[in-house]
Amino acid sequence: MTTAVVDPLIDGMTIRRMLPLHESSGRLRGLSPDSPRVHGVAVMADVSRRRWWALDSVTTSGRLATMFDAAVDELGDRRAVAQQLAGTFTHAVLGRAVTLFVLEGRVWDTGPGNLWMHVDSEGTIDWAAVVDPTLRVLPDDPAVTDVVRLPNELALATWTAHRCHRSLEPIFQCLHELSRRALSTAAMWQMVGSAVVITATQVPILTGSGEVICMRRGQLVLDALSGFGLPVRAMRRTG
């Protein structure tokens, strides 16, 4: 049995009023109790702003370029660095949210202006938070406050895909340029598709139930992203 780790940042949160998001994040932390920041999010009102920054500032402030250049100095491979950072932001924006969607049919807002990132002493993203903690949920969700009900899973998946698209698109475009076009944006969106499939596959393994529901919800997110014209499904090679 895995022992839950006492995380100083999580333990130091000041939660004045328990929200549905707090409850869901607590359950997400239980998916990996030895690394409790991997899946859940915080609420910005509950934490100190030290080492936090708004996600939508990463491309406009030069922060992403600084992160990229530092990683290139260490690895010496612009394409590999672009892949690494694309994977990091994919998990921070989409992976965490899709985990909650396939598990509970709930999603926080992953769109521009709502997500913040926390970095460790080396500048690596290790946690995420939201400004507005309101969840989008299904009609039969038990929560009575701080939620917005959407009519069905398709609507919730489409909203989730749209908000993730809005946040990831400028980051992927910037990484494409920083890599000197060594990594295409199409390749990054295929990484997103893989992340959705992996999440929908792993959640039932971690929880011991819900495989059909998780896979169905994951496919709905993929369908929505594809509907926006994003190449999230690997293209078949010919010749």
Protein backbone atom coordinates (compact mmCIF):
# COMPACT_ATOMS: atom_id res chain seq x y z
CA MET A 1 0.00 0.00 0.00
CA THR A 2 1.34 3.42 -1.03
CA THR A 3 1.73 5.91 1.79
CA ALA A 4 0.37 9.39 1.11
CA VAL A 5 3.08 12.05 1.00
CA VAL A 6 2.61 15.20 3.05
CA ASP A 7 3.21 17.94 0.50
CA PRO A 8 4.14 21.29 2.07
CA LEU A 9 2.39 23.34 -0.62
CA ILE A 10 -0.82 21.35 -0.41
CA ASP A 11 -0.65 21.23 3.37
CA GLY A 12 -0.11 24.99 3.45
CA MET A 13 -3.24 25.89 1.47
CA THR A 14 -5.71 28.14 3.26
CA ILE A 15 -9.16 26.87 2.25
CA ARG A 16 -11.82 29.20 3.63
CA ARG A 17 -14.78 27.48 2.03
CA MET A 18 -14.86 23.91 0.70
CA LEU A 19 -15.86 23.89 -2.96
CA PRO A 20 -16.71 21.03 -5.32
CA LEU A 21 -13.33 21.62 -6.97
CA HIS A 22 -11.54 21.07 -3.65
CA GLU A 23 -13.37 17.77 -3.20
CA SER A 24 -12.54 16.60 -6.72
CA SER A 25 -8.91 17.67 -6.42
CA GLY A 26 -8.59 15.70 -3.21
CA ARG A 27 -9.78 12.57 -5.02
CA LEU A 28 -7.40 13.26 -7.89
CA ARG A 29 -4.49 13.51 -5.46
CA GLY A 30 -5.44 10.05 -4.26
CA LEU A 31 -4.66 8.62 -7.70
CA SER A 32 -0.95 9.10 -7.00
CA PRO A 33 -0.58 9.63 -3.25
CA ASP A 34 3.22 9.53 -3.50
CA SER A 35 3.11 12.49 -5.96
CA PRO A 36 -0.05 14.37 -4.96
CA ARG A 37 0.51 17.36 -7.26
CA VAL A 38 0.48 15.27 -10.44
CA HIS A 39 -3.26 15.25 -11.13
CA GLY A 40 -5.16 17.83 -9.10
CA VAL A 41 -5.20 21.61 -9.15
CA ALA A 42 -5.23 24.32 -6.52
CA VAL A 43 -7.38 27.43 -6.25
CA MET A 44 -5.31 30.61 -6.51
CA ALA A 45 -7.20 32.20 -3.61
CA ASP A 46 -5.88 29.41 -1.35
CA VAL A 47 -2.15 29.70 -2.09
CA SER A 48 0.72 32.15 -1.87
CA ARG A 49 1.65 33.55 -5.31
CA ARG A 50 5.34 32.82 -4.88
CA ARG A 51 6.59 30.93 -7.97
CA TRP A 52 3.19 31.12 -9.65
CA TRP A 53 2.53 32.78 -13.03
CA ALA A 54 -0.44 33.05 -15.38
CA LEU A 55 -0.39 30.54 -18.21
CA ASP A 56 -1.45 33.06 -20.83
CA SER A 57 1.64 35.17 -20.06
CA VAL A 58 4.09 32.41 -20.96
CA THR A 59 4.31 33.31 -24.66
CA THR A 60 4.03 37.10 -24.29
CA SER A 61 6.47 37.62 -21.42
CA GLY A 62 9.39 35.70 -22.89
CA ARG A 63 9.10 33.06 -20.18
CA LEU A 64 8.64 30.20 -22.65
CA ALA A 65 11.67 31.31 -24.65
CA THR A 66 13.72 31.43 -21.45
CA MET A 67 12.58 27.93 -20.47
CA PHE A 68 13.34 26.69 -23.98
CA ASP A 69 16.83 28.18 -24.14
CA ALA A 70 17.76 26.83 -20.70
CA ALA A 71 16.68 23.33 -21.73
CA VAL A 72 18.58 23.59 -25.02
CA ASP A 73 21.73 24.53 -23.11
CA GLU A 74 21.31 21.31 -21.13
CA LEU A 75 20.14 18.91 -23.85
CA GLY A 76 21.56 20.46 -27.00
CA ASP A 77 18.60 19.30 -29.12
CA ARG A 78 15.95 21.85 -30.08
CA ARG A 79 13.46 19.25 -31.31
CA ALA A 80 13.77 17.17 -28.13
CA VAL A 81 13.29 20.27 -25.99
CA ALA A 82 10.18 21.25 -27.95
CA GLN A 83 8.77 17.74 -27.45
CA GLN A 84 9.55 17.87 -23.74
CA LEU A 85 7.90 21.25 -23.19
CA ALA A 86 4.91 20.38 -25.37
CA GLY A 87 4.39 17.31 -23.19
CA THR A 88 4.70 19.37 -20.02
CA PHE A 89 2.10 21.91 -21.11
CA THR A 90 -0.18 19.22 -22.52
CA HIS A 91 -0.35 17.58 -19.12
CA ALA A 92 -0.66 20.88 -17.24
CA VAL A 93 -3.54 22.13 -19.39
CA LEU A 94 -5.31 19.06 -20.76
CA GLY A 95 -4.06 15.97 -18.95
CA ARG A 96 -5.17 17.06 -15.49
CA ALA A 97 -8.58 18.24 -16.69
CA VAL A 98 -9.28 15.15 -18.81
CA THR A 99 -8.40 12.98 -15.82
CA LEU A 100 -11.24 14.58 -13.87
CA PHE A 101 -13.60 14.45 -16.84
CA VAL A 102 -13.19 10.73 -17.47
CA LEU A 103 -13.26 9.97 -13.74
CA GLU A 104 -16.12 12.14 -12.47
CA GLY A 105 -17.72 13.92 -15.42
CA ARG A 106 -16.49 17.26 -14.10
CA VAL A 107 -14.06 19.81 -15.58
CA TRP A 108 -12.52 23.08 -14.44
CA ASP A 109 -11.92 25.90 -16.91
CA THR A 110 -8.60 25.35 -18.69
CA GLY A 111 -8.94 28.41 -20.89
CA PRO A 112 -6.72 31.49 -21.14
CA GLY A 113 -6.81 33.72 -18.09
CA ASN A 114 -7.92 31.02 -15.68
CA LEU A 115 -4.92 28.70 -15.41
CA TRP A 116 -1.77 29.48 -13.41
CA MET A 117 1.40 27.38 -13.21
CA HIS A 118 3.68 26.73 -10.26
CA VAL A 119 7.39 26.02 -10.76
CA ASP A 120 9.95 24.41 -8.49
CA SER A 121 13.35 25.87 -7.62
CA GLU A 122 14.69 24.78 -11.02
CA GLY A 123 11.89 26.42 -12.96
CA THR A 124 10.08 23.19 -13.80
CA ILE A 125 6.26 23.21 -13.79
CA ASP A 126 5.06 20.96 -10.98
CA TRP A 127 1.51 22.14 -10.20
CA ALA A 128 -1.41 24.07 -11.63
CA ALA A 129 -4.17 26.27 -10.23
CA VAL A 130 -7.31 28.05 -11.35
CA VAL A 131 -8.54 31.56 -10.63
CA ASP A 132 -12.22 30.70 -11.09
CA PRO A 133 -12.95 27.37 -9.34
CA THR A 134 -16.37 26.89 -10.96
CA LEU A 135 -16.75 23.39 -12.39
CA ARG A 136 -18.69 22.37 -15.48
CA VAL A 137 -20.61 19.23 -14.62
CA LEU A 138 -23.23 16.79 -15.92
CA PRO A 139 -26.96 17.22 -15.11
CA ASP A 140 -26.97 14.56 -12.38
CA ASP A 141 -23.94 15.92 -10.51
CA PRO A 142 -24.58 16.07 -6.74
CA ALA A 143 -23.04 19.53 -6.27
CA VAL A 144 -25.48 22.37 -5.68
CA THR A 145 -23.18 25.41 -5.74
CA ASP A 146 -20.15 26.63 -7.71
CA VAL A 147 -20.98 24.50 -10.74
CA VAL A 148 -22.48 25.05 -14.20
CA ARG A 149 -24.50 22.12 -15.54
CA LEU A 150 -24.06 21.15 -19.18
CA PRO A 151 -26.71 18.99 -20.87
CA ASN A 152 -24.64 15.84 -21.54
CA GLU A 153 -21.19 14.28 -21.92
CA LEU A 154 -20.84 15.49 -25.50
CA ALA A 155 -21.38 19.11 -24.49
CA LEU A 156 -18.93 18.77 -21.61
CA ALA A 157 -16.30 17.11 -23.82
CA THR A 158 -16.70 19.79 -26.50
CA TRP A 159 -16.37 22.61 -23.96
CA THR A 160 -13.29 20.95 -22.47
CA ALA A 161 -11.65 20.48 -25.85
CA HIS A 162 -12.39 24.08 -26.83
CA ARG A 163 -10.89 25.58 -23.68
CA CYS A 164 -7.78 23.37 -23.90
CA HIS A 165 -7.39 24.31 -27.57
CA ARG A 166 -7.49 28.01 -26.73
CA SER A 167 -4.70 27.65 -24.16
CA LEU A 168 -2.45 25.21 -26.01
CA GLU A 169 -2.56 26.67 -29.52
CA PRO A 170 -0.37 29.76 -28.88
CA ILE A 171 2.06 27.69 -26.80
CA PHE A 172 2.46 25.09 -29.55
CA GLN A 173 2.92 27.78 -32.20
CA CYS A 174 5.61 29.43 -30.08
CA LEU A 175 7.39 26.10 -29.51
CA HIS A 176 7.29 25.42 -33.26
CA GLU A 177 9.07 28.70 -33.89
CA LEU A 178 11.52 28.29 -31.01
CA SER A 179 12.50 24.85 -32.33
CA ARG A 180 13.21 26.51 -35.70
CA ARG A 181 10.40 24.37 -37.13
CA ALA A 182 12.10 21.15 -36.10
CA LEU A 183 8.85 20.03 -34.43
CA SER A 184 5.56 20.68 -36.19
CA THR A 185 2.41 21.80 -34.43
CA ALA A 186 0.71 18.73 -35.94
CA ALA A 187 3.16 16.50 -34.05
CA MET A 188 2.32 18.33 -30.83
CA TRP A 189 -1.42 17.85 -31.35
CA GLN A 190 -0.79 14.16 -31.93
CA MET A 191 0.92 14.16 -28.53
CA VAL A 192 -2.30 15.65 -27.15
CA GLY A 193 -4.30 12.82 -28.70
CA SER A 194 -1.97 10.25 -27.16
CA ALA A 195 -2.32 11.97 -23.78
CA VAL A 196 -6.12 11.65 -23.93
CA VAL A 197 -5.93 7.96 -24.81
CA ILE A 198 -3.35 7.24 -22.10
CA THR A 199 -5.42 9.10 -19.50
CA ALA A 200 -8.63 7.28 -20.40
CA THR A 201 -6.73 3.98 -20.19
CA GLN A 202 -4.85 4.64 -16.95
CA VAL A 203 -7.68 6.05 -14.82
CA PRO A 204 -9.61 2.73 -14.70
CA ILE A 205 -6.39 0.93 -13.79
CA LEU A 206 -5.77 3.36 -10.92
CA THR A 207 -9.36 3.29 -9.67
CA GLY A 208 -10.33 -0.30 -10.48
CA SER A 209 -13.56 0.58 -12.24
CA GLY A 210 -15.27 2.63 -14.95
CA GLU A 211 -13.31 1.42 -18.01
CA VAL A 212 -16.21 1.77 -20.46
CA ILE A 213 -17.19 5.21 -19.17
CA CYS A 214 -13.60 6.48 -19.18
CA MET A 215 -12.92 5.29 -22.71
CA ARG A 216 -16.20 6.75 -23.98
CA ARG A 217 -15.47 10.13 -22.45
CA GLY A 218 -11.92 10.08 -23.78
CA GLN A 219 -13.18 9.38 -27.28
CA LEU A 220 -15.62 12.27 -27.01
CA VAL A 221 -12.75 14.65 -26.23
CA LEU A 222 -10.76 13.28 -29.19
CA ASP A 223 -13.79 13.67 -31.46
CA ALA A 224 -14.25 17.27 -30.34
CA LEU A 225 -10.60 18.15 -30.92
CA SER A 226 -10.76 16.51 -34.34
CA GLY A 227 -13.90 18.50 -35.06
CA PHE A 228 -11.88 21.69 -34.52
CA GLY A 229 -9.53 20.52 -37.30
CA LEU A 230 -6.75 19.43 -34.95
CA PRO A 231 -4.67 16.37 -35.99
CA VAL A 232 -4.92 14.57 -32.66
CA ARG A 233 -5.09 11.15 -34.29
CA ALA A 234 -1.83 9.91 -35.82
CA MET A 235 -1.90 10.03 -39.58
CA ARG A 236 -1.35 6.75 -41.43
CA ARG A 237 1.93 6.70 -43.32
CA THR A 238 2.01 5.53 -46.93
CA GLY A 239 4.82 4.46 -49.21
